[in-house]
Structures are given as structure tokens and as C-alpha cells.
Amino acid sequence: MQSLPCACSIAGSDSGGGAGIQADLRTFTAVGVWGTTVVTAITAQNTRGVLGVSMVPEEMVALQIRAVIDDFDIRAFKTGMLGTAGIIRTVAKNLPSGIPLVVDPVMVATSGSRLLEEHAEQELTGTLLPLATVVTPNIPEAIILSGLSRITTPEEMKEAAVRIRDLGPEYVIIKGGHLGGEEAGDLLAGPGTELFLTGQRYPYPVHGSGCCFSAAMTGYLALGCTVEEAFRKTKVFIGAAIRDAVESRSGNRSVNPGGQGS
């Protein structure tokens, strides 16, 4: 009988399939782990934007976590869209200790729609980030978390990473896709570690790339990789998933973790 390492995504559902739970499950499969889920929100969205959001009751979020950990050997968790302070507290209270946790601090959709209540930011930084093995903000999220007025250079990324680590996570990965330049650079900062990796920049935005990145990190940690190993593998993985992005009727692209051809 085949047995696969298991990973769990605690996040919102994306009806367009390009981000959230759907993208995470595709990523887990492509990485080679069994994917389980805890749905925190149902969204009506596509590559154009978010039409509506319905939050899952906190009791149901807690019950999903219990159902997953009771029957599966979860070796890494990730969080994506959590939405409210109450759900953040619920997740933090019910997560088992000693298992790697990747926090993707989803705050605002690429379209501009807010995915985390403003008053819930303090709960995120004070309750969940101290539990995180890795937190993976993009540049706009890193600005919010670090309190910097701007992040426009690798040096400013490093300063932001120091400030975010002071909030409690063991490692910080700042994704530099929002910066200019011919290459896309991401920074990993942690205990005795500072690693800056660059990759090809593609001339189009891609829906779901942040979800795919954090899910790949989670999958590789579930396979037993160190954080640095997982970061290196994820950088290659996300490059291919963006390269192979799928175009919708609107002309916008969604990340394609299932399209790994190399």
C-alpha cells in the first residue's frame, strides 16, 4: 500500500481555481505529498477580481483541523487566507505543536480586494507569526508587517526581514516579484542564514503565485527538506509554474503548478 507524506493547507477557496485551496492542492500533488485542507472562506472570484466572500464559522474551522490531524500524518501546515481575528485565534489554538508551519500572510488580493480585516492584523502578528517556521510576505505585505514606508531594494528587503523576524517567526522569505529589474529576487533570512535567489522575470502578472510559493515550501518541508533546501527547490518550482501559467478568457493568467515540464 502506498503512503505519502501529508501536508495541510488552511486557506480560502478560489472558485476560479488559480489560488487558495485549489492552487495549494495542485502544488502538493506536483511536489509529491498528499494534500489535506481546512477551508476558512468561500470566495466568488476569478482572475479579474473578488465578487464576494463568505467566512466559514470558527467552530467548523476547528472541526476541520481536528478531522485532519486525527487521521493523517501531517508533516507541515500552511495558512493562507484567514480573514478574521477570530479565525486566526481558532487556527493558532488548534494547531499541533512541533510541526513546521508556513504562514502566507494574505491581506489584500492582487485585484485590491481586502482579504484580512484591518483590525485582524494585530492578531496575525501577535498570535500566529510567533508560531511560524516560515512567513512568506510579498513586498506590500512586508511593508505592512515591517512598518517600513517602502521596500525598493535588496537592502531594504533585508531590513524588513529583520523587523519581521522580531515578530517571532523563525525564518522570513520576502518575495521580490513587485520590485523592478530583469530578474525576480527572493530573500530568505533566518538564524545564521541570509540567502538571496534570483530567477527569470516574466512580463505578465500571475494570479495565485503567492499561494503556490508557500504551498511548495510546505510540501518540501513535509518531505523532510530543511528550510534552505525547501527555499531553493521552491524558487525553481515557482519559476516553472509562472512560466507555464494558464490564460483565462479575460487574458489574465493563473499559476500552473501542474504544468511542470522540466
Protein backbone atom coordinates (compact mmCIF):
# COMPACT_ATOMS: atom_id res chain seq x y z
CA MET A 1 0.00 0.00 0.00
CA GLN A 2 1.37 3.40 -0.99
CA SER A 3 1.89 6.00 1.72
CA LEU A 4 2.69 9.66 1.05
CA PRO A 5 3.83 12.37 3.46
CA CYS A 6 0.89 14.68 4.18
CA ALA A 7 0.63 18.47 4.15
CA CYS A 8 -2.33 20.66 5.11
CA SER A 9 -3.47 23.99 3.70
CA ILE A 10 -5.63 26.21 5.91
CA ALA A 11 -6.96 28.80 3.50
CA GLY A 12 -9.83 30.12 1.43
CA SER A 13 -11.39 28.53 -1.63
CA ASP A 14 -10.91 30.21 -5.01
CA SER A 15 -13.78 29.45 -7.38
CA GLY A 16 -11.54 30.29 -10.33
CA GLY A 17 -9.09 27.59 -9.26
CA GLY A 18 -5.99 29.76 -9.62
CA ALA A 19 -5.25 30.50 -5.97
CA GLY A 20 -6.19 29.41 -2.46
CA ILE A 21 -7.06 25.83 -1.60
CA GLN A 22 -7.27 24.78 -5.24
CA ALA A 23 -3.79 26.02 -6.13
CA ASP A 24 -2.38 24.55 -2.91
CA LEU A 25 -3.73 21.08 -3.66
CA ARG A 26 -2.33 21.16 -7.19
CA THR A 27 1.01 22.22 -5.76
CA PHE A 28 1.07 19.49 -3.12
CA THR A 29 0.35 16.89 -5.78
CA ALA A 30 3.09 18.22 -8.06
CA VAL A 31 5.61 18.26 -5.20
CA GLY A 32 4.71 14.69 -4.21
CA VAL A 33 2.76 14.99 -0.96
CA TRP A 34 -0.82 14.12 -0.02
CA GLY A 35 -2.80 17.32 0.34
CA THR A 36 -5.41 17.93 3.03
CA THR A 37 -7.37 21.13 3.59
CA VAL A 38 -9.12 23.30 6.13
CA VAL A 39 -11.38 25.78 4.33
CA THR A 40 -11.64 29.16 6.06
CA ALA A 41 -13.64 31.07 3.47
CA ILE A 42 -15.62 30.59 0.28
CA THR A 43 -14.83 33.24 -2.29
CA ALA A 44 -16.54 34.05 -5.56
CA GLN A 45 -13.58 35.13 -7.66
CA ASN A 46 -11.77 34.83 -10.94
CA THR A 47 -8.66 36.39 -12.42
CA ARG A 48 -10.49 39.72 -12.74
CA GLY A 49 -11.27 40.11 -9.04
CA VAL A 50 -13.21 39.02 -5.97
CA LEU A 51 -17.01 39.24 -6.27
CA GLY A 52 -17.83 38.07 -2.76
CA VAL A 53 -16.52 36.37 0.38
CA SER A 54 -18.33 34.15 2.87
CA MET A 55 -16.39 33.18 6.00
CA VAL A 56 -16.63 29.66 7.44
CA PRO A 57 -17.76 29.58 11.11
CA GLU A 58 -14.88 29.29 13.58
CA GLU A 59 -16.30 26.08 15.04
CA MET A 60 -16.21 24.47 11.61
CA VAL A 61 -12.62 25.59 11.06
CA ALA A 62 -11.62 23.96 14.37
CA LEU A 63 -13.53 20.79 13.46
CA GLN A 64 -11.77 20.52 10.10
CA ILE A 65 -8.37 20.82 11.79
CA ARG A 66 -9.32 18.08 14.25
CA ALA A 67 -10.59 15.82 11.46
CA VAL A 68 -7.35 16.20 9.50
CA ILE A 69 -4.90 15.65 12.36
CA ASP A 70 -6.91 12.70 13.74
CA ASP A 71 -6.48 10.66 10.58
CA PHE A 72 -3.44 11.93 8.66
CA ASP A 73 0.26 12.19 9.45
CA ILE A 74 0.57 15.90 8.74
CA ARG A 75 4.23 16.84 8.42
CA ALA A 76 3.75 20.51 7.55
CA PHE A 77 0.94 23.07 7.68
CA LYS A 78 0.43 26.29 5.77
CA THR A 79 -2.00 29.11 6.28
CA GLY A 80 -3.31 31.38 3.57
CA MET A 81 -6.44 33.50 3.73
CA LEU A 82 -7.69 33.56 7.33
CA GLY A 83 -9.87 36.65 7.07
CA THR A 84 -10.77 37.47 10.66
CA ALA A 85 -9.17 37.77 14.07
CA GLY A 86 -11.44 35.02 15.36
CA ILE A 87 -10.32 32.53 12.73
CA ILE A 88 -6.66 33.42 13.37
CA ARG A 89 -7.16 32.69 17.09
CA THR A 90 -9.00 29.46 16.27
CA VAL A 91 -6.23 28.22 14.00
CA ALA A 92 -3.47 29.15 16.46
CA LYS A 93 -5.30 27.39 19.30
CA ASN A 94 -5.90 24.17 17.38
CA LEU A 95 -2.62 23.69 15.50
CA PRO A 96 -0.50 20.88 16.96
CA SER A 97 2.95 21.89 18.18
CA GLY A 98 6.21 20.62 16.75
CA ILE A 99 5.09 20.55 13.11
CA PRO A 100 6.52 23.06 10.58
CA LEU A 101 4.16 25.94 9.83
CA VAL A 102 4.37 28.19 6.77
CA VAL A 103 2.38 31.41 7.10
CA ASP A 104 1.42 33.21 3.91
CA PRO A 105 0.12 36.49 5.38
CA VAL A 106 -2.69 37.01 2.89
CA MET A 107 -4.02 40.54 3.38
CA VAL A 108 -5.02 42.03 0.04
CA ALA A 109 -5.77 40.32 -3.27
CA THR A 110 -3.82 41.37 -6.36
CA SER A 111 -7.05 43.00 -7.58
CA GLY A 112 -7.06 45.19 -4.47
CA SER A 113 -9.86 43.40 -2.60
CA ARG A 114 -9.14 43.13 1.11
CA LEU A 115 -8.87 39.52 2.35
CA LEU A 116 -7.97 40.23 6.01
CA GLU A 117 -9.94 42.55 8.26
CA GLU A 118 -7.84 45.55 9.21
CA HIS A 119 -8.25 45.00 12.94
CA ALA A 120 -7.11 41.38 12.49
CA GLU A 121 -3.56 42.38 11.52
CA GLN A 122 -2.55 42.66 15.19
CA GLU A 123 -3.88 39.14 15.81
CA LEU A 124 -1.85 37.86 12.88
CA THR A 125 1.38 39.43 14.11
CA GLY A 126 0.85 38.75 17.80
CA THR A 127 -0.71 35.27 17.74
CA LEU A 128 0.21 33.41 14.56
CA LEU A 129 3.59 34.71 13.44
CA PRO A 130 5.32 33.59 16.67
CA LEU A 131 4.25 30.03 15.81
CA ALA A 132 5.60 30.16 12.25
CA THR A 133 8.57 28.26 10.94
CA VAL A 134 8.50 30.47 7.85
CA VAL A 135 6.47 33.55 6.91
CA THR A 136 6.32 34.42 3.20
CA PRO A 137 5.16 38.02 2.59
CA ASN A 138 5.31 39.74 -0.76
CA ILE A 139 6.57 43.34 -0.87
CA PRO A 140 3.25 45.07 0.01
CA GLU A 141 2.69 42.63 2.89
CA ALA A 142 6.29 43.04 4.07
CA ILE A 143 5.79 46.81 4.19
CA ILE A 144 2.76 46.36 6.44
CA LEU A 145 4.43 43.80 8.70
CA SER A 146 7.75 45.63 9.00
CA GLY A 147 6.40 49.15 9.33
CA LEU A 148 8.77 50.43 6.65
CA SER A 149 7.49 53.15 4.37
CA ARG A 150 8.86 51.44 1.29
CA ILE A 151 10.85 48.43 0.08
CA THR A 152 12.57 49.07 -3.25
CA THR A 153 15.99 47.41 -2.95
CA PRO A 154 17.51 44.14 -1.67
CA GLU A 155 18.97 46.12 1.24
CA GLU A 156 15.52 47.33 2.25
CA MET A 157 14.24 43.74 1.92
CA LYS A 158 16.91 42.69 4.42
CA GLU A 159 15.91 45.43 6.84
CA ALA A 160 12.26 44.40 6.55
CA ALA A 161 13.18 40.76 7.17
CA VAL A 162 14.98 41.70 10.40
CA ARG A 163 11.94 43.61 11.61
CA ILE A 164 9.53 40.82 10.69
CA ARG A 165 11.70 38.22 12.43
CA ASP A 166 11.39 40.33 15.57
CA LEU A 167 7.67 39.42 15.50
CA GLY A 168 8.58 35.79 16.23
CA PRO A 169 8.83 33.62 13.10
CA GLU A 170 11.98 31.51 12.77
CA TYR A 171 12.51 32.39 9.09
CA VAL A 172 11.25 35.10 6.77
CA ILE A 173 11.06 34.87 2.99
CA ILE A 174 10.33 38.18 1.28
CA LYS A 175 9.19 37.65 -2.28
CA GLY A 176 10.52 40.37 -4.56
CA GLY A 177 8.18 40.00 -7.50
CA HIS A 178 6.85 43.54 -7.01
CA LEU A 179 10.32 45.05 -7.41
CA GLY A 180 11.63 46.12 -10.79
CA GLY A 181 14.55 44.68 -12.68
CA GLU A 182 15.16 41.96 -15.23
CA GLU A 183 15.20 39.19 -12.61
CA ALA A 184 12.83 38.34 -9.76
CA GLY A 185 14.71 38.05 -6.48
CA ASP A 186 13.53 36.49 -3.21
CA LEU A 187 15.23 36.77 0.18
CA LEU A 188 15.44 34.10 2.90
CA ALA A 189 16.53 35.31 6.34
CA GLY A 190 16.81 33.16 9.46
CA PRO A 191 19.14 32.01 12.21
CA GLY A 192 22.61 32.38 10.72
CA THR A 193 21.09 32.38 7.22
CA GLU A 194 20.75 35.03 4.55
CA LEU A 195 20.13 33.79 1.04
CA PHE A 196 19.05 35.83 -2.00
CA LEU A 197 17.92 33.86 -5.04
CA THR A 198 17.03 35.28 -8.43
CA GLY A 199 15.10 33.84 -11.33
CA GLN A 200 13.65 34.86 -14.67
CA ARG A 201 11.02 37.58 -14.55
CA TYR A 202 8.07 37.01 -16.87
CA PRO A 203 6.35 40.05 -18.44
CA TYR A 204 2.89 39.37 -17.01
CA PRO A 205 1.21 39.17 -13.58
CA VAL A 206 0.10 35.71 -12.44
CA HIS A 207 -2.86 35.01 -10.17
CA GLY A 208 -2.07 32.61 -7.32
CA SER A 209 1.71 32.76 -7.43
CA GLY A 210 1.97 33.58 -3.72
CA CYS A 211 -0.26 30.65 -2.76
CA CYS A 212 1.75 28.32 -4.96
CA PHE A 213 5.05 29.53 -3.49
CA SER A 214 4.02 28.97 0.13
CA ALA A 215 2.39 25.63 -0.70
CA ALA A 216 5.56 24.42 -2.40
CA MET A 217 7.58 25.44 0.67
CA THR A 218 5.11 23.48 2.79
CA GLY A 219 5.30 20.43 0.58
CA TYR A 220 9.08 20.33 0.58
CA LEU A 221 9.18 20.75 4.37
CA ALA A 222 6.73 17.84 4.62
CA LEU A 223 9.19 15.79 2.55
CA GLY A 224 11.88 16.47 5.16
CA CYS A 225 13.82 19.28 3.47
CA THR A 226 15.48 21.95 5.56
CA VAL A 227 14.11 25.47 5.18
CA GLU A 228 17.04 26.46 2.95
CA GLU A 229 16.64 23.33 0.79
CA ALA A 230 12.91 23.94 0.52
CA PHE A 231 13.54 27.57 -0.48
CA ARG A 232 15.93 26.57 -3.27
CA LYS A 233 13.53 23.94 -4.62
CA THR A 234 10.55 26.30 -4.34
CA LYS A 235 12.33 29.01 -6.31
CA VAL A 236 12.79 26.60 -9.23
CA PHE A 237 9.24 25.24 -8.85
CA ILE A 238 7.52 28.64 -8.86
CA GLY A 239 9.54 29.76 -11.86
CA ALA A 240 8.18 26.87 -13.91
CA ALA A 241 4.63 27.36 -12.58
CA ILE A 242 4.69 31.02 -13.64
CA ARG A 243 6.31 30.19 -16.98
CA ASP A 244 3.51 27.70 -17.69
CA ALA A 245 0.72 29.96 -16.39
CA VAL A 246 -2.75 29.34 -17.84
CA GLU A 247 -4.61 32.16 -19.58
CA SER A 248 -8.31 32.67 -18.88
CA ARG A 249 -10.94 34.29 -21.09
CA SER A 250 -10.05 37.71 -19.66
CA GLY A 251 -6.47 37.32 -20.86
CA ASN A 252 -5.20 37.17 -17.28
CA ARG A 253 -3.01 34.24 -16.20
CA SER A 254 -3.22 31.81 -13.30
CA VAL A 255 -0.28 29.93 -11.83
CA ASN A 256 0.06 26.36 -13.12
CA PRO A 257 1.78 24.05 -10.62
CA GLY A 258 0.55 21.07 -12.60
CA GLY A 259 2.41 22.17 -15.71
CA GLN A 260 5.89 21.21 -14.56
CA GLY A 261 7.60 20.13 -17.72
CA SER A 262 11.17 20.33 -16.50
